[in-house]
């Protein structure tokens, strides 16, 4: 039963973090956007 619960948690985590709309991709896109802003400000 514990193993099944751990597997479910891992699957949910992978679905939330991974993928095109996942948290990891959103953070990556946000960092790229901030980097572009900083490059425009920096003379």
Protein backbone atom coordinates (compact mmCIF):
# COMPACT_ATOMS: atom_id res chain seq x y z
CA UNK A 1 0.00 0.00 0.00
CA UNK A 2 2.82 2.39 0.86
CA UNK A 3 4.59 1.63 -2.41
CA UNK A 4 1.40 2.39 -4.34
CA UNK A 5 1.02 5.72 -2.55
CA UNK A 6 4.63 6.65 -3.32
CA UNK A 7 4.13 5.77 -6.98
CA UNK A 8 1.00 7.94 -7.17
CA UNK A 9 2.85 10.87 -5.61
CA UNK A 10 5.71 10.48 -8.11
CA UNK A 11 3.30 10.39 -11.06
CA UNK A 12 1.46 13.48 -9.83
CA UNK A 13 4.77 15.30 -9.27
CA UNK A 14 5.99 14.45 -12.77
CA UNK A 15 2.72 15.67 -14.30
CA UNK A 16 2.85 18.96 -12.40
CA UNK A 17 6.54 19.71 -12.98
CA UNK A 18 7.07 18.21 -16.44
CA UNK A 19 5.46 18.86 -19.77
CA UNK A 20 5.01 21.98 -21.87
CA UNK A 21 2.87 23.73 -19.27
CA UNK A 22 4.70 22.38 -16.25
CA UNK A 23 6.29 24.40 -13.49
CA UNK A 24 9.81 23.78 -14.78
CA UNK A 25 8.98 25.19 -18.22
CA UNK A 26 7.21 28.22 -16.73
CA UNK A 27 10.24 29.03 -14.57
CA UNK A 28 12.53 28.59 -17.57
CA UNK A 29 10.39 30.93 -19.71
CA UNK A 30 10.22 33.49 -16.91
CA UNK A 31 14.01 33.43 -16.55
CA UNK A 32 14.49 33.93 -20.27
CA UNK A 33 12.08 36.88 -20.24
CA UNK A 34 13.90 38.50 -17.29
CA UNK A 35 17.25 37.88 -18.98
CA UNK A 36 16.02 39.68 -22.09
CA UNK A 37 14.87 42.63 -20.00
CA UNK A 38 18.22 42.86 -18.22
CA UNK A 39 20.10 42.73 -21.53
CA UNK A 40 18.04 45.65 -22.85
CA UNK A 41 18.71 47.71 -19.70
CA UNK A 42 22.46 46.96 -19.54
CA UNK A 43 24.36 49.48 -21.71
